[in-house]
Amino acid sequence: MSDGGIGGGLSYWATINITGELSQEQLKAVLDKVRNVLGSKVTVGPSPEVNPNEGTPVEGVIKQAARLANTTDPQISVTIGEAKT
């Protein structure tokens, strides 16, 4: 996970490694849940929590990436983004 200054705040980047014997439908359900959290809001206070209706917008997005390795550590990383016009 890394962060870098963007404007007046921070932008956090995370790589999520999902393993296991998941079917395509199960993996889709997991990613749908992640997308819901990233498009939600987070409250302030002593115990912040994700809330779809109140708080500060998370404004997260899932980026597409591919990693190639013959070990558990990536040897080549490629990130795919929108074409600039």
N, C-alpha and C. Protein backbone atom coordinates (compact mmCIF):
# COMPACT_ATOMS: atom_id res chain seq x y z
N MET A 1 0.85 -1.17 0.00
CA MET A 1 0.00 0.00 0.00
C MET A 1 0.89 1.23 0.00
N SER A 2 0.54 2.21 -0.80
CA SER A 2 1.34 3.41 -0.84
C SER A 2 0.43 4.63 -0.88
N ASP A 3 1.00 5.77 -0.58
CA ASP A 3 0.22 7.00 -0.65
C ASP A 3 1.08 8.10 -1.26
N GLY A 4 0.42 9.07 -1.82
CA GLY A 4 1.11 10.21 -2.41
C GLY A 4 0.20 11.41 -2.33
N GLY A 5 0.77 12.57 -2.17
CA GLY A 5 -0.03 13.78 -2.04
C GLY A 5 -0.77 14.11 -3.32
N ILE A 6 -2.06 14.34 -3.22
CA ILE A 6 -2.89 14.77 -4.34
C ILE A 6 -3.65 15.99 -3.85
N GLY A 7 -3.38 17.15 -4.40
CA GLY A 7 -4.08 18.35 -3.96
C GLY A 7 -3.87 18.59 -2.48
N GLY A 8 -4.97 18.77 -1.72
CA GLY A 8 -4.87 19.04 -0.30
C GLY A 8 -4.93 17.79 0.55
N GLY A 9 -4.99 16.62 -0.04
CA GLY A 9 -5.14 15.40 0.75
C GLY A 9 -4.19 14.31 0.29
N LEU A 10 -4.46 13.12 0.72
CA LEU A 10 -3.64 11.96 0.36
C LEU A 10 -4.44 11.01 -0.50
N SER A 11 -3.76 10.32 -1.36
CA SER A 11 -4.36 9.27 -2.17
C SER A 11 -3.70 7.96 -1.77
N TYR A 12 -4.48 6.97 -1.38
CA TYR A 12 -3.94 5.68 -0.95
C TYR A 12 -4.16 4.64 -2.04
N TRP A 13 -3.11 3.89 -2.36
CA TRP A 13 -3.17 2.84 -3.36
C TRP A 13 -2.94 1.51 -2.65
N ALA A 14 -3.73 0.52 -2.98
CA ALA A 14 -3.58 -0.79 -2.35
C ALA A 14 -3.66 -1.87 -3.42
N THR A 15 -2.90 -2.92 -3.22
CA THR A 15 -3.00 -4.11 -4.06
C THR A 15 -3.68 -5.18 -3.23
N ILE A 16 -4.73 -5.76 -3.77
CA ILE A 16 -5.47 -6.80 -3.07
C ILE A 16 -5.21 -8.13 -3.78
N ASN A 17 -4.73 -9.09 -3.04
CA ASN A 17 -4.47 -10.42 -3.60
C ASN A 17 -5.57 -11.35 -3.10
N ILE A 18 -6.44 -11.79 -3.99
CA ILE A 18 -7.53 -12.69 -3.64
C ILE A 18 -7.15 -14.09 -4.10
N THR A 19 -7.09 -15.02 -3.15
CA THR A 19 -6.74 -16.40 -3.49
C THR A 19 -7.83 -17.33 -3.00
N GLY A 20 -7.77 -18.55 -3.42
CA GLY A 20 -8.75 -19.53 -2.98
C GLY A 20 -9.45 -20.16 -4.16
N GLU A 21 -10.30 -21.08 -3.87
CA GLU A 21 -11.05 -21.80 -4.89
C GLU A 21 -12.40 -21.12 -5.11
N LEU A 22 -12.36 -19.88 -5.60
CA LEU A 22 -13.60 -19.13 -5.83
C LEU A 22 -14.10 -19.34 -7.25
N SER A 23 -15.39 -19.47 -7.38
CA SER A 23 -15.98 -19.52 -8.72
C SER A 23 -16.02 -18.09 -9.26
N GLN A 24 -16.31 -17.96 -10.54
CA GLN A 24 -16.41 -16.64 -11.16
C GLN A 24 -17.48 -15.81 -10.46
N GLU A 25 -18.60 -16.43 -10.11
CA GLU A 25 -19.70 -15.73 -9.45
C GLU A 25 -19.29 -15.27 -8.05
N GLN A 26 -18.54 -16.12 -7.33
CA GLN A 26 -18.09 -15.74 -6.00
C GLN A 26 -17.11 -14.58 -6.05
N LEU A 27 -16.18 -14.62 -7.00
CA LEU A 27 -15.22 -13.53 -7.15
C LEU A 27 -15.93 -12.24 -7.51
N LYS A 28 -16.92 -12.33 -8.38
CA LYS A 28 -17.70 -11.14 -8.75
C LYS A 28 -18.40 -10.57 -7.52
N ALA A 29 -18.95 -11.41 -6.65
CA ALA A 29 -19.62 -10.94 -5.44
C ALA A 29 -18.64 -10.21 -4.52
N VAL A 30 -17.42 -10.74 -4.40
CA VAL A 30 -16.39 -10.10 -3.57
C VAL A 30 -16.05 -8.73 -4.14
N LEU A 31 -15.81 -8.64 -5.45
CA LEU A 31 -15.44 -7.37 -6.07
C LEU A 31 -16.59 -6.36 -6.04
N ASP A 32 -17.83 -6.84 -6.15
CA ASP A 32 -18.98 -5.94 -6.03
C ASP A 32 -19.02 -5.30 -4.65
N LYS A 33 -18.71 -6.09 -3.61
CA LYS A 33 -18.68 -5.56 -2.24
C LYS A 33 -17.58 -4.51 -2.09
N VAL A 34 -16.41 -4.78 -2.66
CA VAL A 34 -15.31 -3.82 -2.61
C VAL A 34 -15.72 -2.52 -3.32
N ARG A 35 -16.34 -2.64 -4.50
CA ARG A 35 -16.79 -1.45 -5.23
C ARG A 35 -17.81 -0.66 -4.42
N ASN A 36 -18.71 -1.34 -3.71
CA ASN A 36 -19.70 -0.66 -2.88
C ASN A 36 -19.04 0.16 -1.79
N VAL A 37 -18.01 -0.41 -1.15
CA VAL A 37 -17.29 0.31 -0.10
C VAL A 37 -16.58 1.52 -0.69
N LEU A 38 -15.93 1.34 -1.85
CA LEU A 38 -15.18 2.43 -2.47
C LEU A 38 -16.09 3.55 -2.95
N GLY A 39 -17.35 3.27 -3.19
CA GLY A 39 -18.29 4.29 -3.64
C GLY A 39 -19.17 4.80 -2.52
N SER A 40 -18.83 4.51 -1.29
CA SER A 40 -19.65 4.86 -0.14
C SER A 40 -19.12 6.11 0.55
N LYS A 41 -19.43 6.26 1.82
CA LYS A 41 -18.96 7.37 2.64
C LYS A 41 -18.41 6.80 3.95
N VAL A 42 -17.60 7.60 4.64
CA VAL A 42 -17.05 7.17 5.92
C VAL A 42 -17.33 8.28 6.94
N THR A 43 -17.82 7.89 8.11
CA THR A 43 -18.17 8.86 9.14
C THR A 43 -16.93 9.27 9.93
N VAL A 44 -17.07 10.36 10.68
CA VAL A 44 -15.99 10.83 11.56
C VAL A 44 -16.33 10.44 12.98
N GLY A 45 -15.42 10.64 13.87
CA GLY A 45 -15.69 10.33 15.27
C GLY A 45 -14.69 9.36 15.83
N PRO A 46 -14.93 8.94 17.05
CA PRO A 46 -13.97 8.04 17.68
C PRO A 46 -13.88 6.67 16.99
N SER A 47 -14.96 6.25 16.36
CA SER A 47 -14.98 4.96 15.64
C SER A 47 -15.57 5.16 14.25
N PRO A 48 -14.76 5.65 13.27
CA PRO A 48 -15.28 5.85 11.92
C PRO A 48 -15.80 4.55 11.32
N GLU A 49 -16.87 4.64 10.56
CA GLU A 49 -17.41 3.46 9.89
C GLU A 49 -17.93 3.83 8.52
N VAL A 50 -17.94 2.85 7.63
CA VAL A 50 -18.45 3.06 6.27
C VAL A 50 -19.96 3.14 6.35
N ASN A 51 -20.51 4.18 5.73
CA ASN A 51 -21.95 4.41 5.75
C ASN A 51 -22.35 4.95 4.38
N PRO A 52 -23.30 4.32 3.69
CA PRO A 52 -23.65 4.79 2.34
C PRO A 52 -24.37 6.14 2.33
N ASN A 53 -24.89 6.59 3.49
CA ASN A 53 -25.74 7.77 3.51
C ASN A 53 -25.14 9.01 4.15
N GLU A 54 -24.17 8.86 5.03
CA GLU A 54 -23.62 10.04 5.68
C GLU A 54 -22.12 9.90 5.91
N GLY A 55 -21.47 11.04 5.94
CA GLY A 55 -20.02 11.06 6.12
C GLY A 55 -19.32 11.65 4.93
N THR A 56 -18.02 11.45 4.86
CA THR A 56 -17.19 11.96 3.78
C THR A 56 -17.13 10.93 2.66
N PRO A 57 -17.36 11.36 1.41
CA PRO A 57 -17.28 10.40 0.29
C PRO A 57 -15.89 9.77 0.21
N VAL A 58 -15.84 8.45 -0.04
CA VAL A 58 -14.58 7.73 -0.17
C VAL A 58 -13.94 8.04 -1.52
N GLU A 59 -14.73 8.12 -2.58
CA GLU A 59 -14.25 8.41 -3.93
C GLU A 59 -13.17 7.45 -4.38
N GLY A 60 -13.37 6.15 -4.15
CA GLY A 60 -12.40 5.14 -4.56
C GLY A 60 -12.78 4.54 -5.90
N VAL A 61 -11.80 3.93 -6.53
CA VAL A 61 -12.02 3.29 -7.82
C VAL A 61 -11.09 2.08 -7.93
N ILE A 62 -11.57 1.04 -8.57
CA ILE A 62 -10.72 -0.13 -8.82
C ILE A 62 -10.00 0.09 -10.14
N LYS A 63 -8.67 0.02 -10.10
CA LYS A 63 -7.85 0.13 -11.30
C LYS A 63 -7.53 -1.27 -11.78
N GLN A 64 -7.40 -1.43 -13.08
CA GLN A 64 -7.05 -2.72 -13.64
C GLN A 64 -5.54 -2.88 -13.68
N ALA A 65 -5.05 -4.02 -13.27
CA ALA A 65 -3.62 -4.27 -13.28
C ALA A 65 -3.35 -5.73 -13.56
N ALA A 66 -2.22 -6.01 -14.17
CA ALA A 66 -1.80 -7.38 -14.41
C ALA A 66 -0.38 -7.54 -13.89
N ARG A 67 -0.11 -8.65 -13.24
CA ARG A 67 1.22 -8.90 -12.72
C ARG A 67 1.68 -10.27 -13.17
N LEU A 68 2.92 -10.35 -13.56
CA LEU A 68 3.49 -11.60 -14.05
C LEU A 68 4.66 -11.98 -13.17
N ALA A 69 4.64 -13.22 -12.66
CA ALA A 69 5.73 -13.66 -11.81
C ALA A 69 5.78 -15.18 -11.79
N ASN A 70 6.96 -15.71 -11.59
CA ASN A 70 7.08 -17.15 -11.37
C ASN A 70 7.35 -17.42 -9.89
N THR A 71 7.21 -16.38 -9.08
CA THR A 71 7.32 -16.48 -7.62
C THR A 71 6.13 -15.75 -7.03
N THR A 72 6.06 -15.63 -5.73
CA THR A 72 4.95 -14.89 -5.11
C THR A 72 5.12 -13.39 -5.26
N ASP A 73 6.33 -12.93 -5.60
CA ASP A 73 6.56 -11.50 -5.80
C ASP A 73 6.49 -11.16 -7.28
N PRO A 74 5.74 -10.11 -7.64
CA PRO A 74 5.63 -9.73 -9.04
C PRO A 74 6.99 -9.37 -9.64
N GLN A 75 7.22 -9.81 -10.86
CA GLN A 75 8.44 -9.46 -11.58
C GLN A 75 8.17 -8.35 -12.58
N ILE A 76 6.97 -8.36 -13.15
CA ILE A 76 6.56 -7.33 -14.12
C ILE A 76 5.17 -6.88 -13.72
N SER A 77 4.94 -5.56 -13.66
CA SER A 77 3.62 -5.03 -13.35
C SER A 77 3.17 -4.11 -14.48
N VAL A 78 1.92 -4.26 -14.90
CA VAL A 78 1.35 -3.42 -15.94
C VAL A 78 0.02 -2.91 -15.43
N THR A 79 -0.17 -1.59 -15.48
CA THR A 79 -1.44 -0.99 -15.09
C THR A 79 -2.12 -0.47 -16.34
N ILE A 80 -3.41 -0.76 -16.46
CA ILE A 80 -4.17 -0.35 -17.64
C ILE A 80 -5.09 0.79 -17.25
N GLY A 81 -5.01 1.89 -17.97
CA GLY A 81 -5.87 3.04 -17.71
C GLY A 81 -6.55 3.50 -18.99
N GLU A 82 -7.36 4.54 -18.85
CA GLU A 82 -8.05 5.09 -20.01
C GLU A 82 -7.05 5.74 -20.96
N ALA A 83 -7.33 5.63 -22.26
CA ALA A 83 -6.48 6.27 -23.25
C ALA A 83 -6.67 7.78 -23.17
N LYS A 84 -5.57 8.50 -23.28
CA LYS A 84 -5.64 9.96 -23.27
C LYS A 84 -5.90 10.43 -24.68
N THR A 85 -6.89 11.31 -24.81
CA THR A 85 -7.23 11.81 -26.15
C THR A 85 -6.87 13.25 -26.30
